[in-house]
């Protein structure tokens, strides 16, 4: 199911930028971010298939929470938190 979002264009742009940045930084070879226009709406879809399941999906938008899937990744744990804060505006 989809929800209709009415937003300030600048906030919406920042949300999309943050999601894209997150996919590019943490996404694996199969990561995909799609924007689909459907009638008067735009659907944002993020798919990131990882070999190691995310342990605490419900915590991904918590401040400073990071679930690094490898020792090579660095994360402040703020990206999805900030994105969630923008969505809540």
C-alpha atoms as a PDB file:
ATOM      1  CA  UNK A   1       0.000   0.000   0.000  1.00  0.00           C
ATOM      2  CA  UNK A   2       1.163   3.555  -0.629  1.00  0.00           C
ATOM      3  CA  UNK A   3       0.560   6.734   1.273  1.00  0.00           C
ATOM      4  CA  UNK A   4       0.171  10.132  -0.361  1.00  0.00           C
ATOM      5  CA  UNK A   5       2.795  12.597   0.846  1.00  0.00           C
ATOM      6  CA  UNK A   6       2.432  16.342   0.511  1.00  0.00           C
ATOM      7  CA  UNK A   7       5.760  17.991   1.186  1.00  0.00           C
ATOM      8  CA  UNK A   8       7.897  21.031   0.703  1.00  0.00           C
ATOM      9  CA  UNK A   9       9.853  20.334  -2.510  1.00  0.00           C
ATOM     10  CA  UNK A  10      13.184  21.108  -0.795  1.00  0.00           C
ATOM     11  CA  UNK A  11      12.460  18.663   2.031  1.00  0.00           C
ATOM     12  CA  UNK A  12      11.370  16.001  -0.439  1.00  0.00           C
ATOM     13  CA  UNK A  13      14.543  16.579  -2.471  1.00  0.00           C
ATOM     14  CA  UNK A  14      16.666  16.142   0.677  1.00  0.00           C
ATOM     15  CA  UNK A  15      14.834  12.906   1.550  1.00  0.00           C
ATOM     16  CA  UNK A  16      15.536  11.481  -1.906  1.00  0.00           C
ATOM     17  CA  UNK A  17      19.184  12.644  -1.721  1.00  0.00           C
ATOM     18  CA  UNK A  18      19.627  10.981   1.674  1.00  0.00           C
ATOM     19  CA  UNK A  19      18.060   7.730   0.488  1.00  0.00           C
ATOM     20  CA  UNK A  20      20.204   7.705  -2.649  1.00  0.00           C
ATOM     21  CA  UNK A  21      23.324   8.468  -0.620  1.00  0.00           C
ATOM     22  CA  UNK A  22      22.516   5.616   1.762  1.00  0.00           C
ATOM     23  CA  UNK A  23      22.029   3.150  -1.095  1.00  0.00           C
ATOM     24  CA  UNK A  24      25.281   4.256  -2.762  1.00  0.00           C
ATOM     25  CA  UNK A  25      27.257   4.115   0.490  1.00  0.00           C
ATOM     26  CA  UNK A  26      25.899   0.896   1.970  1.00  0.00           C
ATOM     27  CA  UNK A  27      24.282  -0.829  -0.991  1.00  0.00           C
ATOM     28  CA  UNK A  28      25.772  -3.925  -2.454  1.00  0.00           C
ATOM     29  CA  UNK A  29      25.877  -4.918  -6.123  1.00  0.00           C
ATOM     30  CA  UNK A  30      22.150  -5.632  -6.073  1.00  0.00           C
ATOM     31  CA  UNK A  31      21.101  -2.337  -4.451  1.00  0.00           C
ATOM     32  CA  UNK A  32      18.445  -0.442  -6.379  1.00  0.00           C
ATOM     33  CA  UNK A  33      16.653   2.854  -5.845  1.00  0.00           C
ATOM     34  CA  UNK A  34      13.708   3.585  -8.139  1.00  0.00           C
ATOM     35  CA  UNK A  35      11.448   6.574  -8.669  1.00  0.00           C
ATOM     36  CA  UNK A  36       8.251   5.579 -10.422  1.00  0.00           C
ATOM     37  CA  UNK A  37       5.672   8.078 -11.644  1.00  0.00           C
ATOM     38  CA  UNK A  38       2.149   6.782 -11.208  1.00  0.00           C
ATOM     39  CA  UNK A  39      -0.637   9.162 -12.188  1.00  0.00           C
ATOM     40  CA  UNK A  40       0.017  12.347 -10.175  1.00  0.00           C
ATOM     41  CA  UNK A  41       2.236  10.591  -7.624  1.00  0.00           C
ATOM     42  CA  UNK A  42       5.847   9.464  -7.437  1.00  0.00           C
ATOM     43  CA  UNK A  43       6.751   6.195  -5.721  1.00  0.00           C
ATOM     44  CA  UNK A  44      10.201   5.867  -4.129  1.00  0.00           C
ATOM     45  CA  UNK A  45      11.361   2.271  -3.834  1.00  0.00           C
ATOM     46  CA  UNK A  46      14.613   1.047  -2.270  1.00  0.00           C
ATOM     47  CA  UNK A  47      15.802  -2.538  -2.646  1.00  0.00           C
ATOM     48  CA  UNK A  48      19.053  -3.725  -1.136  1.00  0.00           C
ATOM     49  CA  UNK A  49      19.569  -7.462  -1.036  1.00  0.00           C
ATOM     50  CA  UNK A  50      22.297  -8.320   1.454  1.00  0.00           C
ATOM     51  CA  UNK A  51      23.884 -11.672   2.175  1.00  0.00           C
ATOM     52  CA  UNK A  52      23.792 -11.016   5.916  1.00  0.00           C
ATOM     53  CA  UNK A  53      20.300 -10.154   7.206  1.00  0.00           C
ATOM     54  CA  UNK A  54      19.830  -6.907   9.101  1.00  0.00           C
ATOM     55  CA  UNK A  55      19.506  -7.855  12.755  1.00  0.00           C
ATOM     56  CA  UNK A  56      17.457  -4.908  14.037  1.00  0.00           C
ATOM     57  CA  UNK A  57      15.520  -3.418  11.145  1.00  0.00           C
ATOM     58  CA  UNK A  58      13.318  -1.436  13.543  1.00  0.00           C
ATOM     59  CA  UNK A  59      16.389   0.437  14.862  1.00  0.00           C
ATOM     60  CA  UNK A  60      17.747   1.640  11.504  1.00  0.00           C
ATOM     61  CA  UNK A  61      16.223   5.107  11.948  1.00  0.00           C
ATOM     62  CA  UNK A  62      17.488   5.527  15.535  1.00  0.00           C
ATOM     63  CA  UNK A  63      20.093   8.243  16.079  1.00  0.00           C
ATOM     64  CA  UNK A  64      23.675   6.902  15.944  1.00  0.00           C
ATOM     65  CA  UNK A  65      22.500   3.333  15.256  1.00  0.00           C
ATOM     66  CA  UNK A  66      24.550   1.577  12.634  1.00  0.00           C
ATOM     67  CA  UNK A  67      24.442  -2.019  11.576  1.00  0.00           C
ATOM     68  CA  UNK A  68      27.673  -2.247   9.631  1.00  0.00           C
ATOM     69  CA  UNK A  69      27.566  -5.398   7.579  1.00  0.00           C
ATOM     70  CA  UNK A  70      31.331  -5.494   7.154  1.00  0.00           C
ATOM     71  CA  UNK A  71      34.409  -4.157   8.877  1.00  0.00           C
ATOM     72  CA  UNK A  72      35.121  -2.053   5.777  1.00  0.00           C
ATOM     73  CA  UNK A  73      32.051   0.184   6.195  1.00  0.00           C
ATOM     74  CA  UNK A  74      32.035   3.345   8.255  1.00  0.00           C
ATOM     75  CA  UNK A  75      28.821   4.955   9.383  1.00  0.00           C
ATOM     76  CA  UNK A  76      27.834   7.705  11.795  1.00  0.00           C
ATOM     77  CA  UNK A  77      24.370   6.207  12.142  1.00  0.00           C
ATOM     78  CA  UNK A  78      22.752   9.534  11.254  1.00  0.00           C
ATOM     79  CA  UNK A  79      21.703   9.162   7.604  1.00  0.00           C
ATOM     80  CA  UNK A  80      18.444   7.266   8.027  1.00  0.00           C
ATOM     81  CA  UNK A  81      17.744   9.061  11.326  1.00  0.00           C
ATOM     82  CA  UNK A  82      17.886  12.446   9.566  1.00  0.00           C
ATOM     83  CA  UNK A  83      15.798  11.088   6.711  1.00  0.00           C
ATOM     84  CA  UNK A  84      13.139   9.876   9.168  1.00  0.00           C
ATOM     85  CA  UNK A  85      13.110  13.292  10.868  1.00  0.00           C
ATOM     86  CA  UNK A  86      12.527  14.962   7.486  1.00  0.00           C
ATOM     87  CA  UNK A  87       9.722  12.517   6.668  1.00  0.00           C
ATOM     88  CA  UNK A  88       8.067  13.291  10.021  1.00  0.00           C
ATOM     89  CA  UNK A  89       7.980  17.036   9.232  1.00  0.00           C
END
